[in-house]
Amino acid sequence: MRSMLKPLRLTGIIEGISFIALLFLAMPLKYMAGMDMAVTIVGAAHGGLFTIYIALVLVVWVQRRWSFLRALVAMVVSVIPFGPFVFEKSLRREEETGITPLTFGQ
């Protein structure tokens, strides 16, 4: 079975960008300019990407035999602005070395 780290990394980056766009572009447009459609469009895109990201985390958790803590961190960082970008660095290191850190940041 092919490693799903690369798709997880890519999805994490795109999902992180969509979250930033939702928070710092679409929501200000909604509340400061009355453009409700911005949140509708960006929010729907972000929701879909978030769902795909969480599904990929579950697949990688099983495939790579991640600890519960690593899988939990992967999920939690997705709801923190800029979190997926920080976690992506750890995923890249894991992909390059083939070694799964026991916890986040190692």
PDB file of N, CA and C in Angstrom:
ATOM      1  N   MET A   1       0.847  -1.192   0.000  1.00  0.00           N
ATOM      2  CA  MET A   1       0.000   0.000   0.000  1.00  0.00           C
ATOM      3  C   MET A   1       0.885   1.245   0.000  1.00  0.00           C
ATOM      4  N   ARG A   2       0.552   2.169  -0.817  1.00  0.00           N
ATOM      5  CA  ARG A   2       1.290   3.419  -0.955  1.00  0.00           C
ATOM      6  C   ARG A   2       1.091   4.299   0.281  1.00  0.00           C
ATOM      7  N   SER A   3       2.166   4.959   0.701  1.00  0.00           N
ATOM      8  CA  SER A   3       2.076   5.852   1.853  1.00  0.00           C
ATOM      9  C   SER A   3       1.174   7.040   1.533  1.00  0.00           C
ATOM     10  N   MET A   4       0.348   7.385   2.492  1.00  0.00           N
ATOM     11  CA  MET A   4      -0.581   8.507   2.317  1.00  0.00           C
ATOM     12  C   MET A   4      -0.052   9.781   2.972  1.00  0.00           C
ATOM     13  N   LEU A   5       1.229   9.816   3.348  1.00  0.00           N
ATOM     14  CA  LEU A   5       1.785  11.020   3.966  1.00  0.00           C
ATOM     15  C   LEU A   5       1.764  12.210   3.020  1.00  0.00           C
ATOM     16  N   LYS A   6       2.157  11.998   1.767  1.00  0.00           N
ATOM     17  CA  LYS A   6       2.204  13.108   0.813  1.00  0.00           C
ATOM     18  C   LYS A   6       0.807  13.706   0.580  1.00  0.00           C
ATOM     19  N   PRO A   7      -0.226  12.869   0.330  1.00  0.00           N
ATOM     20  CA  PRO A   7      -1.572  13.444   0.199  1.00  0.00           C
ATOM     21  C   PRO A   7      -2.037  14.152   1.476  1.00  0.00           C
ATOM     22  N   LEU A   8      -1.653  13.612   2.640  1.00  0.00           N
ATOM     23  CA  LEU A   8      -2.013  14.272   3.897  1.00  0.00           C
ATOM     24  C   LEU A   8      -1.329  15.628   4.007  1.00  0.00           C
ATOM     25  N   ARG A   9      -0.056  15.683   3.664  1.00  0.00           N
ATOM     26  CA  ARG A   9       0.671  16.957   3.716  1.00  0.00           C
ATOM     27  C   ARG A   9       0.024  17.992   2.784  1.00  0.00           C
ATOM     28  N   LEU A  10      -0.252  17.585   1.548  1.00  0.00           N
ATOM     29  CA  LEU A  10      -0.841  18.500   0.565  1.00  0.00           C
ATOM     30  C   LEU A  10      -2.224  18.975   1.020  1.00  0.00           C
ATOM     31  N   THR A  11      -3.037  18.046   1.483  1.00  0.00           N
ATOM     32  CA  THR A  11      -4.378  18.407   1.956  1.00  0.00           C
ATOM     33  C   THR A  11      -4.291  19.326   3.164  1.00  0.00           C
ATOM     34  N   GLY A  12      -3.346  19.066   4.065  1.00  0.00           N
ATOM     35  CA  GLY A  12      -3.164  19.920   5.239  1.00  0.00           C
ATOM     36  C   GLY A  12      -2.824  21.345   4.864  1.00  0.00           C
ATOM     37  N   ILE A  13      -1.951  21.505   3.874  1.00  0.00           N
ATOM     38  CA  ILE A  13      -1.574  22.850   3.428  1.00  0.00           C
ATOM     39  C   ILE A  13      -2.774  23.562   2.817  1.00  0.00           C
ATOM     40  N   ILE A  14      -3.486  22.874   1.936  1.00  0.00           N
ATOM     41  CA  ILE A  14      -4.654  23.497   1.284  1.00  0.00           C
ATOM     42  C   ILE A  14      -5.743  23.800   2.310  1.00  0.00           C
ATOM     43  N   GLU A  15      -5.976  22.864   3.236  1.00  0.00           N
ATOM     44  CA  GLU A  15      -6.981  23.077   4.285  1.00  0.00           C
ATOM     45  C   GLU A  15      -6.572  24.254   5.168  1.00  0.00           C
ATOM     46  N   GLY A  16      -5.286  24.360   5.479  1.00  0.00           N
ATOM     47  CA  GLY A  16      -4.797  25.488   6.280  1.00  0.00           C
ATOM     48  C   GLY A  16      -5.008  26.827   5.574  1.00  0.00           C
ATOM     49  N   ILE A  17      -4.764  26.847   4.270  1.00  0.00           N
ATOM     50  CA  ILE A  17      -4.987  28.070   3.485  1.00  0.00           C
ATOM     51  C   ILE A  17      -6.473  28.422   3.482  1.00  0.00           C
ATOM     52  N   SER A  18      -7.328  27.411   3.331  1.00  0.00           N
ATOM     53  CA  SER A  18      -8.771  27.685   3.314  1.00  0.00           C
ATOM     54  C   SER A  18      -9.242  28.216   4.670  1.00  0.00           C
ATOM     55  N   PHE A  19      -8.656  27.719   5.760  1.00  0.00           N
ATOM     56  CA  PHE A  19      -9.020  28.190   7.101  1.00  0.00           C
ATOM     57  C   PHE A  19      -8.597  29.647   7.290  1.00  0.00           C
ATOM     58  N   ILE A  20      -7.392  29.972   6.848  1.00  0.00           N
ATOM     59  CA  ILE A  20      -6.908  31.355   6.934  1.00  0.00           C
ATOM     60  C   ILE A  20      -7.791  32.270   6.085  1.00  0.00           C
ATOM     61  N   ALA A  21      -8.148  31.812   4.885  1.00  0.00           N
ATOM     62  CA  ALA A  21      -9.026  32.607   4.018  1.00  0.00           C
ATOM     63  C   ALA A  21     -10.391  32.823   4.669  1.00  0.00           C
ATOM     64  N   LEU A  22     -10.900  31.787   5.327  1.00  0.00           N
ATOM     65  CA  LEU A  22     -12.187  31.908   6.008  1.00  0.00           C
ATOM     66  C   LEU A  22     -12.112  32.920   7.144  1.00  0.00           C
ATOM     67  N   LEU A  23     -11.078  32.802   7.971  1.00  0.00           N
ATOM     68  CA  LEU A  23     -10.960  33.682   9.141  1.00  0.00           C
ATOM     69  C   LEU A  23     -10.615  35.124   8.790  1.00  0.00           C
ATOM     70  N   PHE A  24      -9.678  35.302   7.875  1.00  0.00           N
ATOM     71  CA  PHE A  24      -9.125  36.636   7.648  1.00  0.00           C
ATOM     72  C   PHE A  24      -9.583  37.316   6.364  1.00  0.00           C
ATOM     73  N   LEU A  25     -10.356  36.620   5.556  1.00  0.00           N
ATOM     74  CA  LEU A  25     -10.874  37.231   4.342  1.00  0.00           C
ATOM     75  C   LEU A  25     -12.410  37.168   4.307  1.00  0.00           C
ATOM     76  N   ALA A  26     -12.946  35.958   4.372  1.00  0.00           N
ATOM     77  CA  ALA A  26     -14.393  35.792   4.217  1.00  0.00           C
ATOM     78  C   ALA A  26     -15.179  36.362   5.395  1.00  0.00           C
ATOM     79  N   MET A  27     -14.729  36.094   6.618  1.00  0.00           N
ATOM     80  CA  MET A  27     -15.479  36.604   7.776  1.00  0.00           C
ATOM     81  C   MET A  27     -15.452  38.134   7.862  1.00  0.00           C
ATOM     82  N   PRO A  28     -14.300  38.781   7.646  1.00  0.00           N
ATOM     83  CA  PRO A  28     -14.341  40.251   7.613  1.00  0.00           C
ATOM     84  C   PRO A  28     -15.249  40.797   6.500  1.00  0.00           C
ATOM     85  N   LEU A  29     -15.239  40.121   5.338  1.00  0.00           N
ATOM     86  CA  LEU A  29     -16.136  40.561   4.266  1.00  0.00           C
ATOM     87  C   LEU A  29     -17.597  40.444   4.694  1.00  0.00           C
ATOM     88  N   LYS A  30     -17.906  39.381   5.407  1.00  0.00           N
ATOM     89  CA  LYS A  30     -19.286  39.193   5.862  1.00  0.00           C
ATOM     90  C   LYS A  30     -19.682  40.259   6.879  1.00  0.00           C
ATOM     91  N   TYR A  31     -18.855  40.446   7.894  1.00  0.00           N
ATOM     92  CA  TYR A  31     -19.244  41.317   9.006  1.00  0.00           C
ATOM     93  C   TYR A  31     -18.934  42.792   8.794  1.00  0.00           C
ATOM     94  N   MET A  32     -17.993  43.099   7.918  1.00  0.00           N
ATOM     95  CA  MET A  32     -17.675  44.517   7.687  1.00  0.00           C
ATOM     96  C   MET A  32     -18.269  45.055   6.400  1.00  0.00           C
ATOM     97  N   ALA A  33     -18.488  44.174   5.429  1.00  0.00           N
ATOM     98  CA  ALA A  33     -19.006  44.630   4.144  1.00  0.00           C
ATOM     99  C   ALA A  33     -20.361  44.022   3.807  1.00  0.00           C
ATOM    100  N   GLY A  34     -20.889  43.186   4.688  1.00  0.00           N
ATOM    101  CA  GLY A  34     -22.198  42.598   4.454  1.00  0.00           C
ATOM    102  C   GLY A  34     -22.237  41.580   3.331  1.00  0.00           C
ATOM    103  N   MET A  35     -21.088  41.007   2.994  1.00  0.00           N
ATOM    104  CA  MET A  35     -21.018  40.038   1.897  1.00  0.00           C
ATOM    105  C   MET A  35     -21.110  38.619   2.469  1.00  0.00           C
ATOM    106  N   ASP A  36     -22.334  38.202   2.784  1.00  0.00           N
ATOM    107  CA  ASP A  36     -22.554  36.883   3.384  1.00  0.00           C
ATOM    108  C   ASP A  36     -22.089  35.731   2.497  1.00  0.00           C
ATOM    109  N   MET A  37     -22.143  35.918   1.203  1.00  0.00           N
ATOM    110  CA  MET A  37     -21.791  34.850   0.264  1.00  0.00           C
ATOM    111  C   MET A  37     -20.329  34.433   0.399  1.00  0.00           C
ATOM    112  N   ALA A  38     -19.464  35.339   0.846  1.00  0.00           N
ATOM    113  CA  ALA A  38     -18.043  35.000   1.002  1.00  0.00           C
ATOM    114  C   ALA A  38     -17.874  33.847   1.984  1.00  0.00           C
ATOM    115  N   VAL A  39     -18.562  33.911   3.121  1.00  0.00           N
ATOM    116  CA  VAL A  39     -18.468  32.847   4.118  1.00  0.00           C
ATOM    117  C   VAL A  39     -19.135  31.575   3.602  1.00  0.00           C
ATOM    118  N   THR A  40     -20.207  31.710   2.866  1.00  0.00           N
ATOM    119  CA  THR A  40     -20.898  30.538   2.320  1.00  0.00           C
ATOM    120  C   THR A  40     -19.968  29.757   1.393  1.00  0.00           C
ATOM    121  N   ILE A  41     -19.299  30.446   0.504  1.00  0.00           N
ATOM    122  CA  ILE A  41     -18.430  29.779  -0.476  1.00  0.00           C
ATOM    123  C   ILE A  41     -17.158  29.248   0.180  1.00  0.00           C
ATOM    124  N   VAL A  42     -16.441  30.118   0.867  1.00  0.00           N
ATOM    125  CA  VAL A  42     -15.179  29.711   1.480  1.00  0.00           C
ATOM    126  C   VAL A  42     -15.432  28.697   2.596  1.00  0.00           C
ATOM    127  N   GLY A  43     -16.503  28.891   3.345  1.00  0.00           N
ATOM    128  CA  GLY A  43     -16.838  27.956   4.424  1.00  0.00           C
ATOM    129  C   GLY A  43     -17.146  26.567   3.903  1.00  0.00           C
ATOM    130  N   ALA A  44     -17.858  26.479   2.795  1.00  0.00           N
ATOM    131  CA  ALA A  44     -18.170  25.171   2.209  1.00  0.00           C
ATOM    132  C   ALA A  44     -16.896  24.483   1.712  1.00  0.00           C
ATOM    133  N   ALA A  45     -16.033  25.244   1.065  1.00  0.00           N
ATOM    134  CA  ALA A  45     -14.764  24.682   0.583  1.00  0.00           C
ATOM    135  C   ALA A  45     -13.919  24.201   1.760  1.00  0.00           C
ATOM    136  N   HIS A  46     -13.836  25.028   2.790  1.00  0.00           N
ATOM    137  CA  HIS A  46     -13.052  24.661   3.962  1.00  0.00           C
ATOM    138  C   HIS A  46     -13.635  23.419   4.646  1.00  0.00           C
ATOM    139  N   GLY A  47     -14.937  23.345   4.755  1.00  0.00           N
ATOM    140  CA  GLY A  47     -15.581  22.189   5.378  1.00  0.00           C
ATOM    141  C   GLY A  47     -15.270  20.897   4.648  1.00  0.00           C
ATOM    142  N   GLY A  48     -15.316  20.945   3.338  1.00  0.00           N
ATOM    143  CA  GLY A  48     -14.977  19.761   2.542  1.00  0.00           C
ATOM    144  C   GLY A  48     -13.521  19.361   2.706  1.00  0.00           C
ATOM    145  N   LEU A  49     -12.637  20.346   2.670  1.00  0.00           N
ATOM    146  CA  LEU A  49     -11.209  20.076   2.843  1.00  0.00           C
ATOM    147  C   LEU A  49     -10.903  19.551   4.243  1.00  0.00           C
ATOM    148  N   PHE A  50     -11.579  20.094   5.246  1.00  0.00           N
ATOM    149  CA  PHE A  50     -11.398  19.646   6.623  1.00  0.00           C
ATOM    150  C   PHE A  50     -11.798  18.181   6.755  1.00  0.00           C
ATOM    151  N   THR A  51     -12.912  17.809   6.145  1.00  0.00           N
ATOM    152  CA  THR A  51     -13.390  16.430   6.189  1.00  0.00           C
ATOM    153  C   THR A  51     -12.393  15.482   5.528  1.00  0.00           C
ATOM    154  N   ILE A  52     -11.869  15.879   4.385  1.00  0.00           N
ATOM    155  CA  ILE A  52     -10.866  15.060   3.692  1.00  0.00           C
ATOM    156  C   ILE A  52      -9.604  14.936   4.538  1.00  0.00           C
ATOM    157  N   TYR A  53      -9.183  16.045   5.159  1.00  0.00           N
ATOM    158  CA  TYR A  53      -7.987  16.032   6.001  1.00  0.00           C
ATOM    159  C   TYR A  53      -8.152  15.055   7.167  1.00  0.00           C
ATOM    160  N   ILE A  54      -9.268  15.123   7.862  1.00  0.00           N
ATOM    161  CA  ILE A  54      -9.499  14.233   9.003  1.00  0.00           C
ATOM    162  C   ILE A  54      -9.537  12.775   8.536  1.00  0.00           C
ATOM    163  N   ALA A  55     -10.163  12.505   7.397  1.00  0.00           N
ATOM    164  CA  ALA A  55     -10.196  11.139   6.863  1.00  0.00           C
ATOM    165  C   ALA A  55      -8.780  10.649   6.563  1.00  0.00           C
ATOM    166  N   LEU A  56      -7.950  11.511   5.990  1.00  0.00           N
ATOM    167  CA  LEU A  56      -6.571  11.130   5.699  1.00  0.00           C
ATOM    168  C   LEU A  56      -5.765  10.920   6.974  1.00  0.00           C
ATOM    169  N   VAL A  57      -6.014  11.721   7.997  1.00  0.00           N
ATOM    170  CA  VAL A  57      -5.335  11.511   9.283  1.00  0.00           C
ATOM    171  C   VAL A  57      -5.664  10.118   9.807  1.00  0.00           C
ATOM    172  N   LEU A  58      -6.926   9.721   9.728  1.00  0.00           N
ATOM    173  CA  LEU A  58      -7.327   8.392  10.198  1.00  0.00           C
ATOM    174  C   LEU A  58      -6.645   7.288   9.398  1.00  0.00           C
ATOM    175  N   VAL A  59      -6.559   7.460   8.087  1.00  0.00           N
ATOM    176  CA  VAL A  59      -5.894   6.469   7.236  1.00  0.00           C
ATOM    177  C   VAL A  59      -4.412   6.362   7.594  1.00  0.00           C
ATOM    178  N   VAL A  60      -3.746   7.522   7.721  1.00  0.00           N
ATOM    179  CA  VAL A  60      -2.315   7.522   8.032  1.00  0.00           C
ATOM    180  C   VAL A  60      -2.069   6.979   9.438  1.00  0.00           C
ATOM    181  N   TRP A  61      -2.957   7.268  10.363  1.00  0.00           N
ATOM    182  CA  TRP A  61      -2.838   6.766  11.742  1.00  0.00           C
ATOM    183  C   TRP A  61      -2.741   5.235  11.729  1.00  0.00           C
ATOM    184  N   VAL A  62      -3.621   4.613  10.976  1.00  0.00           N
ATOM    185  CA  VAL A  62      -3.623   3.153  10.885  1.00  0.00           C
ATOM    186  C   VAL A  62      -2.424   2.672  10.066  1.00  0.00           C
ATOM    187  N   GLN A  63      -2.210   3.289   8.911  1.00  0.00           N
ATOM    188  CA  GLN A  63      -1.163   2.855   7.987  1.00  0.00           C
ATOM    189  C   GLN A  63       0.236   2.961   8.591  1.00  0.00           C
ATOM    190  N   ARG A  64       0.513   4.085   9.248  1.00  0.00           N
ATOM    191  CA  ARG A  64       1.853   4.336   9.794  1.00  0.00           C
ATOM    192  C   ARG A  64       1.978   3.906  11.262  1.00  0.00           C
ATOM    193  N   ARG A  65       0.884   3.403  11.816  1.00  0.00           N
ATOM    194  CA  ARG A  65       0.849   2.976  13.224  1.00  0.00           C
ATOM    195  C   ARG A  65       1.261   4.114  14.155  1.00  0.00           C
ATOM    196  N   TRP A  66       0.671   5.280  13.892  1.00  0.00           N
ATOM    197  CA  TRP A  66       0.919   6.436  14.755  1.00  0.00           C
ATOM    198  C   TRP A  66       0.401   6.155  16.156  1.00  0.00           C
ATOM    199  N   SER A  67       0.991   6.833  17.123  1.00  0.00           N
ATOM    200  CA  SER A  67       0.446   6.792  18.477  1.00  0.00           C
ATOM    201  C   SER A  67      -0.860   7.585  18.491  1.00  0.00           C
ATOM    202  N   PHE A  68      -1.679   7.336  19.499  1.00  0.00           N
ATOM    203  CA  PHE A  68      -2.913   8.097  19.645  1.00  0.00           C
ATOM    204  C   PHE A  68      -2.600   9.584  19.771  1.00  0.00           C
ATOM    205  N   LEU A  69      -1.536   9.917  20.510  1.00  0.00           N
ATOM    206  CA  LEU A  69      -1.165  11.321  20.711  1.00  0.00           C
ATOM    207  C   LEU A  69      -0.832  12.008  19.392  1.00  0.00           C
ATOM    208  N   ARG A  70      -0.073  11.345  18.533  1.00  0.00           N
ATOM    209  CA  ARG A  70       0.286  11.958  17.244  1.00  0.00           C
ATOM    210  C   ARG A  70      -0.962  12.179  16.388  1.00  0.00           C
ATOM    211  N   ALA A  71      -1.854  11.206  16.355  1.00  0.00           N
ATOM    212  CA  ALA A  71      -3.091  11.357  15.584  1.00  0.00           C
ATOM    213  C   ALA A  71      -3.943  12.481  16.164  1.00  0.00           C
ATOM    214  N   LEU A  72      -4.015  12.565  17.476  1.00  0.00           N
ATOM    215  CA  LEU A  72      -4.788  13.620  18.122  1.00  0.00           C
ATOM    216  C   LEU A  72      -4.207  14.992  17.800  1.00  0.00           C
ATOM    217  N   VAL A  73      -2.900  15.112  17.865  1.00  0.00           N
ATOM    218  CA  VAL A  73      -2.249  16.384  17.534  1.00  0.00           C
ATOM    219  C   VAL A  73      -2.539  16.756  16.083  1.00  0.00           C
ATOM    220  N   ALA A  74      -2.463  15.786  15.172  1.00  0.00           N
ATOM    221  CA  ALA A  74      -2.753  16.047  13.761  1.00  0.00           C
ATOM    222  C   ALA A  74      -4.155  16.608  13.579  1.00  0.00           C
ATOM    223  N   MET A  75      -5.100  16.119  14.378  1.00  0.00           N
ATOM    224  CA  MET A  75      -6.473  16.610  14.278  1.00  0.00           C
ATOM    225  C   MET A  75      -6.629  17.978  14.940  1.00  0.00           C
ATOM    226  N   VAL A  76      -6.020  18.170  16.093  1.00  0.00           N
ATOM    227  CA  VAL A  76      -6.167  19.428  16.825  1.00  0.00           C
ATOM    228  C   VAL A  76      -5.533  20.591  16.067  1.00  0.00           C
ATOM    229  N   VAL A  77      -4.368  20.365  15.445  1.00  0.00           N
ATOM    230  CA  VAL A  77      -3.709  21.476  14.745  1.00  0.00           C
ATOM    231  C   VAL A  77      -4.547  21.999  13.589  1.00  0.00           C
ATOM    232  N   SER A  78      -5.460  21.182  13.092  1.00  0.00           N
ATOM    233  CA  SER A  78      -6.276  21.625  11.961  1.00  0.00           C
ATOM    234  C   SER A  78      -7.307  22.684  12.344  1.00  0.00           C
ATOM    235  N   VAL A  79      -7.544  22.871  13.637  1.00  0.00           N
ATOM    236  CA  VAL A  79      -8.498  23.903  14.072  1.00  0.00           C
ATOM    237  C   VAL A  79      -7.784  25.109  14.696  1.00  0.00           C
ATOM    238  N   ILE A  80      -6.462  25.145  14.569  1.00  0.00           N
ATOM    239  CA  ILE A  80      -5.662  26.267  15.054  1.00  0.00           C
ATOM    240  C   ILE A  80      -5.122  27.006  13.831  1.00  0.00           C
ATOM    241  N   PRO A  81      -5.365  28.313  13.731  1.00  0.00           N
ATOM    242  CA  PRO A  81      -4.819  29.038  12.579  1.00  0.00           C
ATOM    243  C   PRO A  81      -3.304  28.826  12.473  1.00  0.00           C
ATOM    244  N   PHE A  82      -2.847  28.510  11.296  1.00  0.00           N
ATOM    245  CA  PHE A  82      -1.445  28.248  10.955  1.00  0.00           C
ATOM    246  C   PHE A  82      -0.939  26.918  11.523  1.00  0.00           C
ATOM    247  N   GLY A  83      -1.742  26.196  12.269  1.00  0.00           N
ATOM    248  CA  GLY A  83      -1.348  24.909  12.843  1.00  0.00           C
ATOM    249  C   GLY A  83      -0.957  23.867  11.809  1.00  0.00           C
ATOM    250  N   PRO A  84      -1.729  23.724  10.728  1.00  0.00           N
ATOM    251  CA  PRO A  84      -1.356  22.711   9.730  1.00  0.00           C
ATOM    252  C   PRO A  84       0.015  22.954   9.100  1.00  0.00           C
ATOM    253  N   PHE A  85       0.425  24.214   9.015  1.00  0.00           N
ATOM    254  CA  PHE A  85       1.719  24.524   8.418  1.00  0.00           C
ATOM    255  C   PHE A  85       2.857  24.082   9.331  1.00  0.00           C
ATOM    256  N   VAL A  86       2.662  24.222  10.624  1.00  0.00           N
ATOM    257  CA  VAL A  86       3.666  23.785  11.600  1.00  0.00           C
ATOM    258  C   VAL A  86       3.749  22.255  11.591  1.00  0.00           C
ATOM    259  N   PHE A  87       2.608  21.599  11.590  1.00  0.00           N
ATOM    260  CA  PHE A  87       2.577  20.136  11.619  1.00  0.00           C
ATOM    261  C   PHE A  87       3.125  19.545  10.322  1.00  0.00           C
ATOM    262  N   GLU A  88       2.946  20.235   9.221  1.00  0.00           N
ATOM    263  CA  GLU A  88       3.436  19.751   7.929  1.00  0.00           C
ATOM    264  C   GLU A  88       4.941  19.540   7.959  1.00  0.00           C
ATOM    265  N   LYS A  89       5.654  20.371   8.686  1.00  0.00           N
ATOM    266  CA  LYS A  89       7.110  20.229   8.801  1.00  0.00           C
ATOM    267  C   LYS A  89       7.454  18.864   9.411  1.00  0.00           C
ATOM    268  N   SER A  90       6.717  18.459  10.428  1.00  0.00           N
ATOM    269  CA  SER A  90       6.926  17.165  11.068  1.00  0.00           C
ATOM    270  C   SER A  90       6.587  16.027  10.106  1.00  0.00           C
ATOM    271  N   LEU A  91       5.520  16.200   9.333  1.00  0.00           N
ATOM    272  CA  LEU A  91       5.139  15.172   8.356  1.00  0.00           C
ATOM    273  C   LEU A  91       6.199  15.037   7.269  1.00  0.00           C
ATOM    274  N   ARG A  92       6.748  16.159   6.822  1.00  0.00           N
ATOM    275  CA  ARG A  92       7.795  16.138   5.796  1.00  0.00           C
ATOM    276  C   ARG A  92       9.023  15.391   6.309  1.00  0.00           C
ATOM    277  N   ARG A  93       9.401  15.670   7.548  1.00  0.00           N
ATOM    278  CA  ARG A  93      10.547  14.987   8.151  1.00  0.00           C
ATOM    279  C   ARG A  93      10.277  13.472   8.244  1.00  0.00           C
ATOM    280  N   GLU A  94       9.057  13.113   8.627  1.00  0.00           N
ATOM    281  CA  GLU A  94       8.694  11.693   8.702  1.00  0.00           C
ATOM    282  C   GLU A  94       8.759  11.038   7.327  1.00  0.00           C
ATOM    283  N   GLU A  95       8.300  11.756   6.314  1.00  0.00           N
ATOM    284  CA  GLU A  95       8.311  11.220   4.959  1.00  0.00           C
ATOM    285  C   GLU A  95       9.747  11.040   4.450  1.00  0.00           C
ATOM    286  N   GLU A  96      10.618  11.986   4.774  1.00  0.00           N
ATOM    287  CA  GLU A  96      12.004  11.920   4.306  1.00  0.00           C
ATOM    288  C   GLU A  96      12.808  10.843   5.014  1.00  0.00           C
ATOM    289  N   THR A  97      12.599  10.689   6.317  1.00  0.00           N
ATOM    290  CA  THR A  97      13.404   9.749   7.096  1.00  0.00           C
ATOM    291  C   THR A  97      12.755   8.380   7.233  1.00  0.00           C
ATOM    292  N   GLY A  98      11.428   8.324   7.099  1.00  0.00           N
ATOM    293  CA  GLY A  98      10.711   7.081   7.310  1.00  0.00           C
ATOM    294  C   GLY A  98      10.472   6.773   8.776  1.00  0.00           C
ATOM    295  N   ILE A  99      10.897   7.698   9.650  1.00  0.00           N
ATOM    296  CA  ILE A  99      10.751   7.504  11.091  1.00  0.00           C
ATOM    297  C   ILE A  99       9.579   8.317  11.584  1.00  0.00           C
ATOM    298  N   THR A 100       8.668   7.658  12.306  1.00  0.00           N
ATOM    299  CA  THR A 100       7.521   8.347  12.884  1.00  0.00           C
ATOM    300  C   THR A 100       7.882   8.860  14.277  1.00  0.00           C
ATOM    301  N   PRO A 101       7.821  10.181  14.495  1.00  0.00           N
ATOM    302  CA  PRO A 101       8.079  10.692  15.837  1.00  0.00           C
ATOM    303  C   PRO A 101       7.048  10.137  16.828  1.00  0.00           C
ATOM    304  N   LEU A 102       7.472   9.935  18.059  1.00  0.00           N
ATOM    305  CA  LEU A 102       6.548   9.423  19.059  1.00  0.00           C
ATOM    306  C   LEU A 102       5.497  10.446  19.405  1.00  0.00           C
ATOM    307  N   THR A 103       5.901  11.706  19.472  1.00  0.00           N
ATOM    308  CA  THR A 103       4.966  12.790  19.750  1.00  0.00           C
ATOM    309  C   THR A 103       5.269  13.948  18.824  1.00  0.00           C
ATOM    310  N   PHE A 104       4.397  14.915  18.835  1.00  0.00           N
ATOM    311  CA  PHE A 104       4.550  16.101  17.997  1.00  0.00           C
ATOM    312  C   PHE A 104       5.792  16.868  18.407  1.00  0.00           C
ATOM    313  N   GLY A 105       6.554  17.320  17.434  1.00  0.00           N
ATOM    314  CA  GLY A 105       7.691  18.182  17.692  1.00  0.00           C
ATOM    315  C   GLY A 105       9.003  17.457  17.891  1.00  0.00           C
ATOM    316  N   GLN A 106       9.016  16.124  17.879  1.00  0.00           N
ATOM    317  CA  GLN A 106      10.283  15.420  18.065  1.00  0.00           C
ATOM    318  C   GLN A 106      10.961  15.204  16.740  1.00  0.00           C
TER     319      GLN A 106
END
